[in-house]
Amino acid sequence: MNYQFQIISNNDLDIVIPLVFELNEGRVSASVLKSRFDEMKDQNYECAVIFDGKEVVGVSGLWFCTRHYVGKAVELDHVYIKTEYRNKGLGKQFMDWIYAYVKTKGCNSMELNTYVQNHPSHKFYYNEGYEILGYHFLKKI
């Protein structure tokens, strides 16, 4: 297959909403996702996608920041590849492309969160060289 990896314009974020909706298993409505993506446009956020022709089959948000313990970093967010495209090496290709891209932006580390019950993602990220640094806590207020 001839996949295309690219950063999309923040004006085109609507094209990833269906994938992020799938990732969240419908827990967050498409209209709420659209509203949140509209806010994210102005918050050091970029969006990487995988195209198969004109179809978006994968997505990863990229949050850029400087962390006191590692320096310039990027946090991957809502990483998702459509089910029928998994287990074919596409995730590895996508991560390699993202690594190269964020290095051009001066990043020297990457972080991410993954759902506790998402064991296949844990194995994938271990294989990519990620280590567990801590726990992610959430409190809604």
C-alpha atoms as a PDB file:
ATOM      1  CA  MET A   1       0.000   0.000   0.000  1.00  0.00           C
ATOM      2  CA  ASN A   2       1.025   3.571  -0.594  1.00  0.00           C
ATOM      3  CA  TYR A   3       0.122   5.405   2.597  1.00  0.00           C
ATOM      4  CA  GLN A   4       0.705   9.112   3.021  1.00  0.00           C
ATOM      5  CA  PHE A   5       1.670  10.565   6.392  1.00  0.00           C
ATOM      6  CA  GLN A   6       1.209  14.265   6.927  1.00  0.00           C
ATOM      7  CA  ILE A   7       0.411  17.075   9.312  1.00  0.00           C
ATOM      8  CA  ILE A   8      -2.962  18.514   8.429  1.00  0.00           C
ATOM      9  CA  SER A   9      -3.930  22.145   8.790  1.00  0.00           C
ATOM     10  CA  ASN A  10      -5.718  22.959  12.022  1.00  0.00           C
ATOM     11  CA  ASN A  11      -8.507  24.249   9.777  1.00  0.00           C
ATOM     12  CA  ASP A  12      -9.047  20.647   8.586  1.00  0.00           C
ATOM     13  CA  LEU A  13      -9.369  18.953  11.983  1.00  0.00           C
ATOM     14  CA  ASP A  14     -12.975  17.956  11.271  1.00  0.00           C
ATOM     15  CA  ILE A  15     -11.676  15.093   9.112  1.00  0.00           C
ATOM     16  CA  VAL A  16     -10.298  13.255  12.173  1.00  0.00           C
ATOM     17  CA  ILE A  17     -13.420  13.524  14.319  1.00  0.00           C
ATOM     18  CA  PRO A  18     -14.878  10.197  13.062  1.00  0.00           C
ATOM     19  CA  LEU A  19     -11.687   8.341  14.076  1.00  0.00           C
ATOM     20  CA  VAL A  20     -11.460  10.020  17.479  1.00  0.00           C
ATOM     21  CA  PHE A  21     -15.159   9.230  17.970  1.00  0.00           C
ATOM     22  CA  GLU A  22     -14.361   5.536  17.282  1.00  0.00           C
ATOM     23  CA  LEU A  23     -11.383   5.650  19.642  1.00  0.00           C
ATOM     24  CA  ASN A  24     -13.599   6.972  22.437  1.00  0.00           C
ATOM     25  CA  GLU A  25     -16.249   4.356  21.620  1.00  0.00           C
ATOM     26  CA  GLY A  26     -18.879   7.075  21.367  1.00  0.00           C
ATOM     27  CA  ARG A  27     -18.395   8.280  24.948  1.00  0.00           C
ATOM     28  CA  VAL A  28     -17.873  11.814  23.627  1.00  0.00           C
ATOM     29  CA  SER A  29     -20.317  13.035  20.997  1.00  0.00           C
ATOM     30  CA  ALA A  30     -19.109  14.198  17.597  1.00  0.00           C
ATOM     31  CA  SER A  31     -20.448  17.697  18.290  1.00  0.00           C
ATOM     32  CA  VAL A  32     -18.487  17.936  21.551  1.00  0.00           C
ATOM     33  CA  LEU A  33     -15.369  16.635  19.791  1.00  0.00           C
ATOM     34  CA  LYS A  34     -15.773  19.316  17.112  1.00  0.00           C
ATOM     35  CA  SER A  35     -16.091  22.022  19.760  1.00  0.00           C
ATOM     36  CA  ARG A  36     -13.007  20.758  21.592  1.00  0.00           C
ATOM     37  CA  PHE A  37     -10.933  20.477  18.419  1.00  0.00           C
ATOM     38  CA  ASP A  38     -11.924  24.067  17.602  1.00  0.00           C
ATOM     39  CA  GLU A  39     -10.382  25.113  20.933  1.00  0.00           C
ATOM     40  CA  MET A  40      -7.305  22.918  20.500  1.00  0.00           C
ATOM     41  CA  LYS A  41      -6.330  24.761  17.308  1.00  0.00           C
ATOM     42  CA  ASP A  42      -4.756  27.521  19.384  1.00  0.00           C
ATOM     43  CA  GLN A  43      -3.027  25.400  22.042  1.00  0.00           C
ATOM     44  CA  ASN A  44       0.350  24.186  20.632  1.00  0.00           C
ATOM     45  CA  TYR A  45      -1.497  21.334  18.948  1.00  0.00           C
ATOM     46  CA  GLU A  46      -0.835  19.690  15.595  1.00  0.00           C
ATOM     47  CA  CYS A  47      -2.485  16.670  14.026  1.00  0.00           C
ATOM     48  CA  ALA A  48      -0.727  13.899  12.089  1.00  0.00           C
ATOM     49  CA  VAL A  49      -2.792  11.626   9.872  1.00  0.00           C
ATOM     50  CA  ILE A  50      -2.416   8.583   7.672  1.00  0.00           C
ATOM     51  CA  PHE A  51      -4.126   8.702   4.310  1.00  0.00           C
ATOM     52  CA  ASP A  52      -4.951   5.653   2.221  1.00  0.00           C
ATOM     53  CA  GLY A  53      -5.783   7.502  -0.965  1.00  0.00           C
ATOM     54  CA  LYS A  54      -8.241  10.171   0.168  1.00  0.00           C
ATOM     55  CA  GLU A  55      -9.424   8.226   3.220  1.00  0.00           C
ATOM     56  CA  VAL A  56      -8.070   9.063   6.681  1.00  0.00           C
ATOM     57  CA  VAL A  57      -7.195   5.734   8.315  1.00  0.00           C
ATOM     58  CA  GLY A  58      -5.030   6.866  11.217  1.00  0.00           C
ATOM     59  CA  VAL A  59      -4.533   9.856  13.479  1.00  0.00           C
ATOM     60  CA  SER A  60      -2.322  11.151  16.258  1.00  0.00           C
ATOM     61  CA  GLY A  61      -2.516  14.464  18.006  1.00  0.00           C
ATOM     62  CA  LEU A  62       0.767  16.150  18.882  1.00  0.00           C
ATOM     63  CA  TRP A  63       0.991  18.518  21.858  1.00  0.00           C
ATOM     64  CA  PHE A  64       4.260  20.472  21.967  1.00  0.00           C
ATOM     65  CA  CYS A  65       5.694  21.810  25.219  1.00  0.00           C
ATOM     66  CA  THR A  66       8.819  22.113  27.340  1.00  0.00           C
ATOM     67  CA  ARG A  67       8.950  19.889  30.420  1.00  0.00           C
ATOM     68  CA  HIS A  68      11.259  20.574  33.342  1.00  0.00           C
ATOM     69  CA  TYR A  69      12.442  16.949  33.490  1.00  0.00           C
ATOM     70  CA  VAL A  70      13.108  16.242  29.780  1.00  0.00           C
ATOM     71  CA  GLY A  71      13.195  19.536  27.887  1.00  0.00           C
ATOM     72  CA  LYS A  72      11.340  20.070  24.618  1.00  0.00           C
ATOM     73  CA  ALA A  73       8.766  17.317  24.314  1.00  0.00           C
ATOM     74  CA  VAL A  74       5.742  16.180  22.390  1.00  0.00           C
ATOM     75  CA  GLU A  75       2.822  14.313  23.877  1.00  0.00           C
ATOM     76  CA  LEU A  76       0.972  11.977  21.565  1.00  0.00           C
ATOM     77  CA  ASP A  77      -2.781  12.083  21.997  1.00  0.00           C
ATOM     78  CA  HIS A  78      -5.713  10.130  20.562  1.00  0.00           C
ATOM     79  CA  VAL A  79      -3.476   7.783  18.578  1.00  0.00           C
ATOM     80  CA  TYR A  80      -5.788   5.596  16.524  1.00  0.00           C
ATOM     81  CA  ILE A  81      -5.599   3.422  13.425  1.00  0.00           C
ATOM     82  CA  LYS A  82      -8.730   1.888  11.939  1.00  0.00           C
ATOM     83  CA  THR A  83      -9.100  -1.750  12.943  1.00  0.00           C
ATOM     84  CA  GLU A  84      -8.762  -3.166   9.427  1.00  0.00           C
ATOM     85  CA  TYR A  85      -5.367  -1.413   9.028  1.00  0.00           C
ATOM     86  CA  ARG A  86      -3.801  -2.789  12.198  1.00  0.00           C
ATOM     87  CA  ASN A  87      -1.203  -5.555  12.553  1.00  0.00           C
ATOM     88  CA  LYS A  88       0.346  -4.767   9.175  1.00  0.00           C
ATOM     89  CA  GLY A  89       3.267  -2.602  10.295  1.00  0.00           C
ATOM     90  CA  LEU A  90       1.438   0.666   9.631  1.00  0.00           C
ATOM     91  CA  GLY A  91       1.619   1.799  13.272  1.00  0.00           C
ATOM     92  CA  LYS A  92       5.403   1.339  13.267  1.00  0.00           C
ATOM     93  CA  GLN A  93       5.699   3.294  10.012  1.00  0.00           C
ATOM     94  CA  PHE A  94       3.520   6.067  11.438  1.00  0.00           C
ATOM     95  CA  MET A  95       5.567   6.289  14.644  1.00  0.00           C
ATOM     96  CA  ASP A  96       8.832   6.393  12.667  1.00  0.00           C
ATOM     97  CA  TRP A  97       7.420   9.233  10.574  1.00  0.00           C
ATOM     98  CA  ILE A  98       6.286  11.084  13.718  1.00  0.00           C
ATOM     99  CA  TYR A  99       9.710  10.597  15.378  1.00  0.00           C
ATOM    100  CA  ALA A 100      11.432  12.151  12.369  1.00  0.00           C
ATOM    101  CA  TYR A 101       8.929  15.002  12.204  1.00  0.00           C
ATOM    102  CA  VAL A 102       9.108  16.014  15.873  1.00  0.00           C
ATOM    103  CA  LYS A 103      12.906  15.896  15.814  1.00  0.00           C
ATOM    104  CA  THR A 104      12.808  18.600  13.119  1.00  0.00           C
ATOM    105  CA  LYS A 105      10.861  20.694  15.628  1.00  0.00           C
ATOM    106  CA  GLY A 106      13.581  20.246  18.272  1.00  0.00           C
ATOM    107  CA  CYS A 107      11.869  17.645  20.451  1.00  0.00           C
ATOM    108  CA  ASN A 108      14.062  15.235  22.363  1.00  0.00           C
ATOM    109  CA  SER A 109      11.347  13.175  24.040  1.00  0.00           C
ATOM    110  CA  MET A 110       7.837  11.839  23.495  1.00  0.00           C
ATOM    111  CA  GLU A 111       5.139  10.978  26.001  1.00  0.00           C
ATOM    112  CA  LEU A 112       1.681   9.498  25.826  1.00  0.00           C
ATOM    113  CA  ASN A 113      -1.155   8.084  27.856  1.00  0.00           C
ATOM    114  CA  THR A 114      -2.944   4.879  26.996  1.00  0.00           C
ATOM    115  CA  TYR A 115      -6.051   3.412  28.534  1.00  0.00           C
ATOM    116  CA  VAL A 116      -5.322   0.861  31.264  1.00  0.00           C
ATOM    117  CA  GLN A 117      -7.408  -1.857  29.572  1.00  0.00           C
ATOM    118  CA  ASN A 118      -5.826  -1.320  26.121  1.00  0.00           C
ATOM    119  CA  HIS A 119      -3.268  -4.133  26.392  1.00  0.00           C
ATOM    120  CA  PRO A 120      -2.429  -4.291  22.659  1.00  0.00           C
ATOM    121  CA  SER A 121      -1.325  -0.646  22.795  1.00  0.00           C
ATOM    122  CA  HIS A 122       0.851  -1.351  25.837  1.00  0.00           C
ATOM    123  CA  LYS A 123       2.721  -4.064  23.942  1.00  0.00           C
ATOM    124  CA  PHE A 124       3.083  -1.795  20.909  1.00  0.00           C
ATOM    125  CA  TYR A 125       4.542   1.090  22.927  1.00  0.00           C
ATOM    126  CA  TYR A 126       6.893  -1.208  24.867  1.00  0.00           C
ATOM    127  CA  ASN A 127       8.164  -2.472  21.505  1.00  0.00           C
ATOM    128  CA  GLU A 128       8.662   1.155  20.459  1.00  0.00           C
ATOM    129  CA  GLY A 129      10.938   1.718  23.463  1.00  0.00           C
ATOM    130  CA  TYR A 130       8.533   3.573  25.747  1.00  0.00           C
ATOM    131  CA  GLU A 131       8.804   3.090  29.502  1.00  0.00           C
ATOM    132  CA  ILE A 132       6.161   3.614  32.147  1.00  0.00           C
ATOM    133  CA  LEU A 133       7.117   6.761  34.023  1.00  0.00           C
ATOM    134  CA  GLY A 134       4.087   7.220  36.251  1.00  0.00           C
ATOM    135  CA  TYR A 135       0.330   7.108  36.525  1.00  0.00           C
ATOM    136  CA  HIS A 136      -2.136   9.417  34.832  1.00  0.00           C
ATOM    137  CA  PHE A 137      -4.763  10.677  37.271  1.00  0.00           C
ATOM    138  CA  LEU A 138      -8.003  12.400  36.313  1.00  0.00           C
ATOM    139  CA  LYS A 139     -10.509  14.275  38.425  1.00  0.00           C
ATOM    140  CA  LYS A 140     -13.461  15.962  36.783  1.00  0.00           C
ATOM    141  CA  ILE A 141     -14.390  19.255  38.408  1.00  0.00           C
END
